[in-house]
């Protein structure tokens, strides 16, 4: 099944899982979903620091439920139009990224690279966990790879000066 505007608006879980409609993009919906994460990150980062992790965790838990419900409705657990996982994961990456446009561009590129490439153990988990939690988890692992690279790059750049 190819989701459309009617499907998007059929249930709040679909609206969230499909990234407010960004997952309906005909090409590269994961990239469009990732881009939706940037303004949401800016909103999240305006909250007091003590609230940021709990809100992000709530977004993950909500996403696991929404992605599961939407995947079942579409007949594919991790349908390409489901992009809430990218949204939550890029926000996590940005939480560990210096707040300027060049670093955020690096974060975007690294996250998309790891999300598409799915290095070990991401691909293996993605193949085994066919539910909303699995949909969310593989992108969180791609985020962890991205964060490690960003932190290493940041440390390396600051140690050479």
Protein backbone atom coordinates (compact mmCIF):
# COMPACT_ATOMS: atom_id res chain seq x y z
CA UNK A 1 0.00 0.00 0.00
CA UNK A 2 1.23 3.47 -0.86
CA UNK A 3 0.07 5.95 1.77
CA UNK A 4 -1.62 9.16 0.70
CA UNK A 5 -3.13 12.24 2.33
CA UNK A 6 -6.26 10.30 3.28
CA UNK A 7 -4.17 7.64 5.05
CA UNK A 8 -2.06 10.35 6.75
CA UNK A 9 -5.15 11.96 8.25
CA UNK A 10 -6.95 8.69 9.03
CA UNK A 11 -5.37 8.32 12.48
CA UNK A 12 -3.10 10.49 14.70
CA UNK A 13 -0.56 7.63 14.77
CA UNK A 14 -0.25 7.79 10.97
CA UNK A 15 0.16 11.57 11.08
CA UNK A 16 3.02 11.24 13.57
CA UNK A 17 4.68 8.15 12.04
CA UNK A 18 4.63 9.77 8.59
CA UNK A 19 6.35 12.85 10.00
CA UNK A 20 3.39 15.24 9.63
CA UNK A 21 3.30 14.37 5.93
CA UNK A 22 7.03 14.52 5.16
CA UNK A 23 7.00 10.74 4.71
CA UNK A 24 4.69 11.17 1.71
CA UNK A 25 7.56 12.71 -0.31
CA UNK A 26 7.81 10.73 -3.57
CA UNK A 27 11.63 10.57 -3.38
CA UNK A 28 13.85 10.21 -0.29
CA UNK A 29 11.13 10.41 2.39
CA UNK A 30 13.72 9.57 5.08
CA UNK A 31 15.70 12.64 4.09
CA UNK A 32 12.60 14.83 4.27
CA UNK A 33 11.72 13.32 7.64
CA UNK A 34 15.22 14.01 8.90
CA UNK A 35 14.85 17.65 7.87
CA UNK A 36 11.65 17.93 9.93
CA UNK A 37 13.76 17.04 12.95
CA UNK A 38 15.74 20.29 12.74
CA UNK A 39 12.98 22.76 13.70
CA UNK A 40 11.69 20.28 16.29
CA UNK A 41 15.20 20.11 17.76
CA UNK A 42 15.29 23.90 18.00
CA UNK A 43 11.97 23.81 19.87
CA UNK A 44 13.16 21.03 22.19
CA UNK A 45 16.43 22.84 22.95
CA UNK A 46 14.43 25.85 24.18
CA UNK A 47 13.15 23.71 27.06
CA UNK A 48 15.17 23.54 30.29
CA UNK A 49 17.94 20.96 29.92
CA UNK A 50 16.37 18.72 32.58
CA UNK A 51 13.29 18.29 30.37
CA UNK A 52 15.05 17.58 27.08
CA UNK A 53 15.97 13.92 27.65
CA UNK A 54 12.56 12.98 29.09
CA UNK A 55 10.77 14.66 26.18
CA UNK A 56 13.03 12.91 23.67
CA UNK A 57 12.40 9.59 25.43
CA UNK A 58 8.65 10.26 25.28
CA UNK A 59 9.02 10.99 21.55
CA UNK A 60 10.78 7.64 21.17
CA UNK A 61 8.08 5.75 23.08
CA UNK A 62 5.28 7.52 21.22
CA UNK A 63 7.12 6.73 17.99
CA UNK A 64 7.39 3.03 18.79
CA UNK A 65 3.60 2.87 19.18
CA UNK A 66 2.79 5.09 16.17
CA UNK A 67 5.27 3.32 13.88
CA UNK A 68 3.96 -0.08 14.95
CA UNK A 69 0.32 0.89 14.32
CA UNK A 70 1.15 2.56 11.00
CA UNK A 71 3.40 -0.28 9.84
CA UNK A 72 0.61 -2.79 10.52
CA UNK A 73 -1.89 -0.62 8.63
CA UNK A 74 0.51 -0.41 5.67
CA UNK A 75 1.39 -4.11 5.82
CA UNK A 76 5.13 -3.33 6.09
CA UNK A 77 6.74 -2.86 9.52
CA UNK A 78 9.31 -0.29 8.36
CA UNK A 79 7.59 1.23 5.33
CA UNK A 80 9.67 3.94 3.65
CA UNK A 81 7.04 6.56 4.42
CA UNK A 82 7.44 6.01 8.18
CA UNK A 83 9.91 8.74 9.16
CA UNK A 84 9.25 9.50 12.83
CA UNK A 85 12.29 7.33 13.58
CA UNK A 86 14.49 9.67 11.53
CA UNK A 87 12.99 12.71 13.24
CA UNK A 88 13.68 11.47 16.77
CA UNK A 89 17.13 10.14 15.87
CA UNK A 90 18.36 13.38 14.25
CA UNK A 91 17.19 15.33 17.30
CA UNK A 92 19.31 13.00 19.44
CA UNK A 93 22.30 13.59 17.15
CA UNK A 94 21.80 17.37 17.27
CA UNK A 95 21.74 17.26 21.07
CA UNK A 96 25.43 16.24 20.89
CA UNK A 97 26.34 18.57 18.03
CA UNK A 98 27.67 22.12 18.35
CA UNK A 99 24.88 24.51 17.44
CA UNK A 100 26.00 26.07 14.19
CA UNK A 101 24.93 25.41 10.63
CA UNK A 102 28.16 23.70 9.50
CA UNK A 103 28.15 21.21 12.37
CA UNK A 104 24.44 20.58 11.83
CA UNK A 105 25.13 19.89 8.15
CA UNK A 106 27.82 17.39 9.17
CA UNK A 107 25.33 15.81 11.60
CA UNK A 108 22.72 15.55 8.84
CA UNK A 109 25.15 13.93 6.38
CA UNK A 110 26.56 11.48 8.93
CA UNK A 111 23.13 10.45 10.17
CA UNK A 112 21.75 9.90 6.67
CA UNK A 113 24.89 7.92 5.78
CA UNK A 114 24.58 5.59 8.79
CA UNK A 115 20.79 5.33 8.42
CA UNK A 116 21.13 4.20 4.81
CA UNK A 117 24.30 2.11 5.22
CA UNK A 118 23.13 0.34 8.43
CA UNK A 119 26.51 -0.93 9.68
CA UNK A 120 26.72 -3.79 12.18
CA UNK A 121 24.62 -4.39 14.26
CA UNK A 122 21.98 -2.07 12.80
CA UNK A 123 21.16 -4.17 9.73
CA UNK A 124 20.91 -7.34 11.83
CA UNK A 125 18.56 -5.72 14.36
CA UNK A 126 16.51 -4.18 11.56
CA UNK A 127 16.06 -7.64 10.04
CA UNK A 128 15.00 -9.23 13.37
CA UNK A 129 12.82 -6.60 15.02
CA UNK A 130 9.77 -6.11 12.82
CA UNK A 131 7.73 -3.84 15.07
CA UNK A 132 7.57 -0.18 16.09
CA UNK A 133 10.36 -0.57 18.64
CA UNK A 134 12.62 -2.07 15.97
CA UNK A 135 11.77 0.75 13.55
CA UNK A 136 12.81 3.30 16.17
CA UNK A 137 15.85 1.39 17.45
CA UNK A 138 17.72 1.04 14.17
CA UNK A 139 17.68 4.82 13.70
CA UNK A 140 18.77 5.42 17.29
CA UNK A 141 21.76 3.16 16.61
CA UNK A 142 22.53 5.14 13.44
CA UNK A 143 22.33 8.24 15.65
CA UNK A 144 24.84 6.72 18.09
CA UNK A 145 27.30 6.08 15.24
CA UNK A 146 26.80 9.67 14.09
CA UNK A 147 27.32 11.06 17.60
CA UNK A 148 30.55 9.08 18.01
CA UNK A 149 31.88 10.48 14.72
CA UNK A 150 30.83 14.04 15.57
CA UNK A 151 32.43 13.90 19.01
CA UNK A 152 35.63 12.36 17.58
CA UNK A 153 35.77 15.03 14.87
CA UNK A 154 35.13 17.78 17.42
CA UNK A 155 37.87 16.46 19.74
CA UNK A 156 40.31 16.05 16.85
CA UNK A 157 39.63 19.57 15.53
CA UNK A 158 40.07 21.10 18.97
CA UNK A 159 43.24 19.15 19.74
CA UNK A 160 44.99 20.44 16.61
CA UNK A 161 44.67 24.08 17.64
